[in-house]
Amino acid sequence: MTSPVTLVLDARASLGEGPRWHAGEARLYWVDIDRCELHRFDPASGQDEHRRFDDPVGCFAFTGDGGLMLGMKRGFARLDHWDAEPRPWARAFLADHPDLRLNDGRTDPAGRFWAGSVTMTKAQRNAALYCLDGETVREVQSDMLTCNGAAFSSDGRHFHHADTPSHALRRYDYDPATGILSHERILHQWPQGHGRPDGGSFDEEGCYWTALFDGARVARLSPDGEVLQEVMLPTKRPSMIAFGGADRRTAFVTTARTGLDEATLADQPHSGGIFSFRVDVPGVPEWSFAG
């Protein structure tokens, strides 16, 4: 069972994305990709702070020393602390691809940071999934338009992600010791016109929650791909779901205003806000980048 959906921050984000709960700070970090902003939100006080950068931040990972690893336009950058300036990390592997930027990412139990890219022009399928291991970047999967939804199960043995325009959620077996994905399969295929899988997170029972962009809902899927539960939202463009709070049983959902016409925004005025509801099963905690 879930509690009613509540608007916890009327952020009016253009493209709110990537919520991640920082347990030590009891804050929700998130990004507005279109506005090149990194945010941190304190649900207890309602205060939301933000940093603005020269390039968009598509995703990020916490580091063990209080900093963040940012997935940006050209590649990765290290933020040593909240007020620091980002410094390039590893090679700028997207520098020669102006149509690409990093989009969504997650750390695995061993501290590797997995991040996907997006083809902003949608002209060719050159987006990919990458793995940042220390200061080494390797391409893992390719032939995509929008790599999204990266998440690892609590035991680290399974990985999910989606090529959002395909409406398909993929599942892999994963070896945390070697960092190798295997046994790729389609976990669930949504029909056209009913929302497409964007950002997602696992819970402790091995089920995966995904935000269905243009579907006005989030869905919980079993390890076999069965839709077990859906939670409706008062906006058609949820972008990512993650879990936080002291017990990791508070779901936070970022949403977007981008691309919505004036009539839709008048009908859905809190588009771009962050919504919340309670769940029975805790989410998987965020692992730190080990580089």
Protein backbone atom coordinates (compact mmCIF):
# COMPACT_ATOMS: atom_id res chain seq x y z
CA MET A 1 0.00 0.00 0.00
CA THR A 2 1.09 3.58 -0.57
CA SER A 3 0.10 6.87 1.02
CA PRO A 4 -1.45 9.75 -0.93
CA VAL A 5 0.82 11.65 -3.30
CA THR A 6 2.00 14.99 -1.91
CA LEU A 7 3.71 17.93 -3.61
CA VAL A 8 6.80 18.51 -1.43
CA LEU A 9 8.52 21.12 -3.61
CA ASP A 10 6.84 23.30 -6.22
CA ALA A 11 10.14 23.58 -8.08
CA ARG A 12 8.69 24.35 -11.53
CA ALA A 13 11.74 22.64 -13.00
CA SER A 14 12.09 22.56 -16.75
CA LEU A 15 13.57 19.06 -16.66
CA GLY A 16 13.75 17.87 -13.07
CA GLU A 17 15.74 14.64 -12.90
CA GLY A 18 18.09 12.38 -10.97
CA PRO A 19 16.86 12.53 -7.35
CA ARG A 20 19.32 10.90 -4.92
CA TRP A 21 18.91 10.74 -1.15
CA HIS A 22 21.99 11.67 0.90
CA ALA A 23 21.51 9.73 4.15
CA GLY A 24 24.19 11.60 6.09
CA GLU A 25 22.71 15.01 5.27
CA ALA A 26 19.06 13.91 5.20
CA ARG A 27 18.71 15.85 1.94
CA LEU A 28 17.48 15.06 -1.53
CA TYR A 29 19.88 16.05 -4.29
CA TRP A 30 18.45 16.49 -7.79
CA VAL A 31 19.12 18.30 -11.06
CA ASP A 32 17.30 20.54 -13.52
CA ILE A 33 19.11 19.49 -16.68
CA ASP A 34 17.77 22.23 -18.96
CA ARG A 35 18.86 24.96 -16.54
CA CYS A 36 22.30 23.42 -15.81
CA GLU A 37 21.41 23.28 -12.10
CA LEU A 38 22.28 20.97 -9.21
CA HIS A 39 19.90 21.19 -6.25
CA ARG A 40 19.78 19.92 -2.69
CA PHE A 41 16.46 19.91 -0.88
CA ASP A 42 15.81 19.59 2.84
CA PRO A 43 12.32 18.08 3.29
CA ALA A 44 12.33 18.97 7.00
CA SER A 45 12.72 22.72 6.44
CA GLY A 46 11.47 22.99 2.85
CA GLN A 47 14.70 24.77 1.87
CA ASP A 48 16.03 24.09 -1.64
CA GLU A 49 19.51 25.32 -2.60
CA HIS A 50 20.99 25.20 -6.07
CA ARG A 51 24.21 25.62 -8.04
CA ARG A 52 24.26 26.67 -11.69
CA PHE A 53 27.01 25.47 -14.05
CA ASP A 54 28.11 26.34 -17.56
CA ASP A 55 27.07 22.90 -18.84
CA PRO A 56 24.11 20.66 -17.97
CA VAL A 57 24.45 18.05 -15.23
CA GLY A 58 22.61 14.92 -16.33
CA CYS A 59 23.45 12.74 -13.33
CA PHE A 60 25.73 12.52 -10.32
CA ALA A 61 27.05 10.19 -7.66
CA PHE A 62 28.04 10.90 -4.08
CA THR A 63 31.66 10.32 -3.09
CA GLY A 64 32.85 8.98 0.23
CA ASP A 65 34.61 12.23 1.18
CA GLY A 66 31.63 14.56 0.88
CA GLY A 67 31.93 15.47 -2.78
CA LEU A 68 30.10 14.48 -5.95
CA MET A 69 30.98 12.99 -9.30
CA LEU A 70 29.01 14.83 -11.99
CA GLY A 71 27.97 13.45 -15.36
CA MET A 72 28.02 16.50 -17.63
CA LYS A 73 28.00 17.53 -21.28
CA ARG A 74 31.49 16.34 -22.26
CA GLY A 75 32.07 13.67 -19.64
CA PHE A 76 32.66 13.44 -15.90
CA ALA A 77 33.71 16.16 -13.46
CA ARG A 78 34.57 16.03 -9.76
CA LEU A 79 32.94 18.44 -7.30
CA ASP A 80 35.03 18.28 -4.12
CA HIS A 81 32.34 19.96 -2.03
CA TRP A 82 29.10 21.87 -2.58
CA ASP A 83 30.78 25.25 -3.16
CA ALA A 84 33.70 23.94 -5.23
CA GLU A 85 34.18 24.39 -8.95
CA PRO A 86 33.89 21.21 -11.03
CA ARG A 87 37.17 19.81 -12.30
CA PRO A 88 37.41 17.38 -15.21
CA TRP A 89 37.73 13.71 -14.28
CA ALA A 90 39.01 11.00 -16.62
CA ARG A 91 38.92 11.73 -20.35
CA ALA A 92 36.36 14.04 -21.96
CA PHE A 93 34.99 11.19 -24.06
CA LEU A 94 31.99 13.16 -25.39
CA ALA A 95 33.95 16.29 -26.32
CA ASP A 96 33.82 15.43 -30.02
CA HIS A 97 30.11 14.60 -29.97
CA PRO A 98 28.14 17.88 -29.67
CA ASP A 99 24.84 16.03 -30.09
CA LEU A 100 25.43 13.93 -26.95
CA ARG A 101 25.46 14.59 -23.21
CA LEU A 102 25.43 12.36 -20.14
CA ASN A 103 21.90 11.76 -18.94
CA ASP A 104 21.31 9.23 -16.14
CA GLY A 105 23.59 7.22 -13.89
CA ARG A 106 24.04 5.07 -10.78
CA THR A 107 26.88 3.64 -8.73
CA ASP A 108 27.21 -0.12 -8.22
CA PRO A 109 28.11 -1.82 -4.89
CA ALA A 110 31.82 -1.75 -5.82
CA GLY A 111 31.75 2.02 -6.36
CA ARG A 112 31.79 2.14 -10.16
CA PHE A 113 29.65 4.90 -11.70
CA TRP A 114 27.46 3.77 -14.60
CA ALA A 115 26.08 6.57 -16.77
CA GLY A 116 24.16 6.69 -20.03
CA SER A 117 24.11 9.36 -22.70
CA VAL A 118 21.30 10.88 -24.74
CA THR A 119 21.20 11.88 -28.39
CA MET A 120 19.74 15.36 -28.12
CA THR A 121 18.91 15.66 -31.82
CA LYS A 122 17.41 12.12 -32.01
CA ALA A 123 19.01 11.99 -35.49
CA GLN A 124 21.02 8.81 -34.93
CA ARG A 125 21.29 5.98 -32.43
CA ASN A 126 24.68 6.92 -31.01
CA ALA A 127 23.82 7.11 -27.29
CA ALA A 128 25.47 4.54 -25.05
CA LEU A 129 25.95 3.22 -21.53
CA TYR A 130 29.36 3.87 -19.95
CA CYS A 131 31.13 2.66 -16.82
CA LEU A 132 33.50 4.94 -14.88
CA ASP A 133 35.86 2.75 -12.83
CA GLY A 134 38.31 4.99 -10.99
CA GLU A 135 39.62 7.18 -13.81
CA THR A 136 38.90 4.71 -16.61
CA VAL A 137 35.83 5.03 -18.83
CA ARG A 138 34.59 2.14 -20.95
CA GLU A 139 31.61 1.90 -23.27
CA VAL A 140 29.38 -1.03 -22.30
CA GLN A 141 26.24 -0.85 -24.46
CA SER A 142 25.49 1.27 -27.53
CA ASP A 143 22.89 1.79 -30.30
CA MET A 144 20.46 3.85 -28.19
CA LEU A 145 18.73 7.22 -28.30
CA THR A 146 18.20 7.92 -24.58
CA CYS A 147 19.91 5.71 -22.01
CA ASN A 148 17.92 6.00 -18.80
CA GLY A 149 16.86 4.30 -15.59
CA ALA A 150 20.21 2.86 -14.42
CA ALA A 151 19.85 0.97 -11.13
CA PHE A 152 21.30 -2.04 -9.29
CA SER A 153 19.43 -4.50 -7.09
CA SER A 154 20.27 -4.61 -3.39
CA ASP A 155 22.44 -7.73 -3.78
CA GLY A 156 24.22 -6.18 -6.74
CA ARG A 157 23.39 -9.15 -8.97
CA HIS A 158 21.01 -7.40 -11.39
CA PHE A 159 21.05 -4.17 -13.36
CA HIS A 160 18.22 -2.39 -15.18
CA HIS A 161 18.16 0.42 -17.70
CA ALA A 162 15.95 1.63 -20.54
CA ASP A 163 16.34 3.15 -23.97
CA THR A 164 13.38 5.43 -23.26
CA PRO A 165 12.05 5.98 -26.83
CA SER A 166 11.91 2.20 -27.33
CA HIS A 167 9.43 1.91 -24.41
CA ALA A 168 11.48 -1.13 -23.28
CA LEU A 169 13.04 -1.81 -19.89
CA ARG A 170 16.11 -4.06 -20.01
CA ARG A 171 17.38 -6.43 -17.33
CA TYR A 172 20.88 -7.88 -16.97
CA ASP A 173 22.72 -10.23 -14.69
CA TYR A 174 25.66 -8.47 -13.08
CA ASP A 175 28.92 -9.56 -11.46
CA PRO A 176 29.97 -6.88 -8.93
CA ALA A 177 33.47 -8.34 -8.70
CA THR A 178 34.27 -7.97 -12.40
CA GLY A 179 31.83 -5.23 -13.45
CA ILE A 180 30.51 -7.39 -16.31
CA LEU A 181 26.89 -7.36 -17.54
CA SER A 182 25.44 -10.50 -19.09
CA HIS A 183 22.18 -12.18 -20.15
CA GLU A 184 20.48 -9.07 -21.53
CA ARG A 185 16.69 -9.37 -21.94
CA ILE A 186 13.61 -7.16 -22.21
CA LEU A 187 11.96 -7.13 -18.80
CA HIS A 188 8.87 -5.17 -19.87
CA GLN A 189 7.68 -3.54 -23.08
CA TRP A 190 5.14 -0.72 -22.73
CA PRO A 191 2.79 -0.02 -25.66
CA GLN A 192 3.14 3.24 -27.55
CA GLY A 193 1.14 6.14 -26.15
CA HIS A 194 0.96 4.91 -22.54
CA GLY A 195 4.13 6.46 -21.14
CA ARG A 196 7.73 5.41 -21.60
CA PRO A 197 10.24 4.31 -18.92
CA ASP A 198 12.48 7.10 -17.67
CA GLY A 199 14.40 7.06 -14.37
CA GLY A 200 13.99 4.20 -11.91
CA SER A 201 15.15 2.59 -8.66
CA PHE A 202 15.10 -0.82 -6.99
CA ASP A 203 13.52 -1.62 -3.65
CA GLU A 204 14.77 -4.17 -1.12
CA GLU A 205 12.47 -6.91 -2.45
CA GLY A 206 14.16 -6.80 -5.85
CA CYS A 207 11.28 -4.95 -7.49
CA TYR A 208 11.98 -1.99 -9.75
CA TRP A 209 10.07 1.28 -9.79
CA THR A 210 10.08 3.40 -12.96
CA ALA A 211 8.73 6.83 -13.81
CA LEU A 212 6.63 6.71 -17.00
CA PHE A 213 7.29 9.95 -18.88
CA ASP A 214 4.12 11.17 -20.60
CA GLY A 215 2.31 8.45 -18.63
CA ALA A 216 1.41 10.47 -15.49
CA ARG A 217 2.41 7.61 -13.20
CA VAL A 218 5.14 5.49 -11.68
CA ALA A 219 5.05 1.70 -11.81
CA ARG A 220 6.49 -1.08 -9.65
CA LEU A 221 7.60 -4.21 -11.51
CA SER A 222 8.45 -7.66 -10.21
CA PRO A 223 11.79 -9.33 -11.09
CA ASP A 224 9.81 -11.16 -13.81
CA GLY A 225 8.52 -7.92 -15.33
CA GLU A 226 4.95 -8.04 -14.02
CA VAL A 227 3.46 -4.63 -13.20
CA LEU A 228 2.54 -5.01 -9.53
CA GLN A 229 1.46 -1.46 -8.74
CA GLU A 230 0.96 1.94 -10.33
CA VAL A 231 0.77 5.31 -8.59
CA MET A 232 -0.84 8.16 -10.52
CA LEU A 233 0.61 11.67 -10.43
CA PRO A 234 -1.03 15.06 -11.14
CA THR A 235 1.34 15.76 -14.03
CA LYS A 236 1.98 13.82 -17.22
CA ARG A 237 5.79 13.98 -17.16
CA PRO A 238 7.32 12.19 -14.17
CA SER A 239 11.02 11.71 -14.88
CA MET A 240 12.62 9.74 -12.04
CA ILE A 241 11.76 7.98 -8.77
CA ALA A 242 14.13 7.42 -5.86
CA PHE A 243 13.75 6.57 -2.18
CA GLY A 244 14.83 8.40 0.94
CA GLY A 245 13.97 9.40 4.45
CA ALA A 246 15.40 7.75 7.57
CA ASP A 247 13.80 4.41 6.63
CA ARG A 248 14.11 4.79 2.82
CA ARG A 249 10.35 4.32 2.55
CA THR A 250 9.63 7.79 1.20
CA ALA A 251 9.42 7.87 -2.59
CA PHE A 252 10.49 11.11 -4.27
CA VAL A 253 9.48 11.73 -7.90
CA THR A 254 10.93 14.50 -10.04
CA THR A 255 8.87 15.84 -12.94
CA ALA A 256 9.25 18.09 -15.99
CA ARG A 257 7.52 21.07 -17.60
CA THR A 258 9.53 20.99 -20.81
CA GLY A 259 7.46 20.50 -23.95
CA LEU A 260 4.09 21.04 -22.25
CA ASP A 261 1.79 23.57 -23.88
CA GLU A 262 0.05 26.39 -22.03
CA ALA A 263 -3.25 24.53 -21.77
CA THR A 264 -1.57 21.50 -20.19
CA LEU A 265 0.39 23.66 -17.76
CA ALA A 266 -2.80 25.46 -16.76
CA ASP A 267 -4.41 22.09 -16.07
CA GLN A 268 -1.27 20.69 -14.37
CA PRO A 269 0.23 23.75 -12.65
CA HIS A 270 2.62 21.75 -10.45
CA SER A 271 4.43 20.17 -13.38
CA GLY A 272 8.15 20.38 -12.69
CA GLY A 273 7.58 19.85 -8.97
CA ILE A 274 8.83 17.07 -6.72
CA PHE A 275 6.17 14.70 -5.42
CA SER A 276 6.33 12.23 -2.58
CA PHE A 277 4.48 9.24 -1.17
CA ARG A 278 5.18 6.50 1.36
CA VAL A 279 5.77 2.85 0.45
CA ASP A 280 5.91 -0.41 2.41
CA VAL A 281 9.23 -1.70 1.08
CA PRO A 282 12.40 0.41 1.54
CA GLY A 283 14.41 1.47 -1.46
CA VAL A 284 18.00 0.41 -2.03
CA PRO A 285 20.47 2.93 -0.52
CA GLU A 286 22.80 4.91 -2.77
CA TRP A 287 26.35 3.57 -3.00
CA SER A 288 29.24 6.05 -3.19
CA PHE A 289 31.65 6.41 -6.09
CA ALA A 290 34.95 4.85 -5.08
CA GLY A 291 37.29 6.72 -7.42
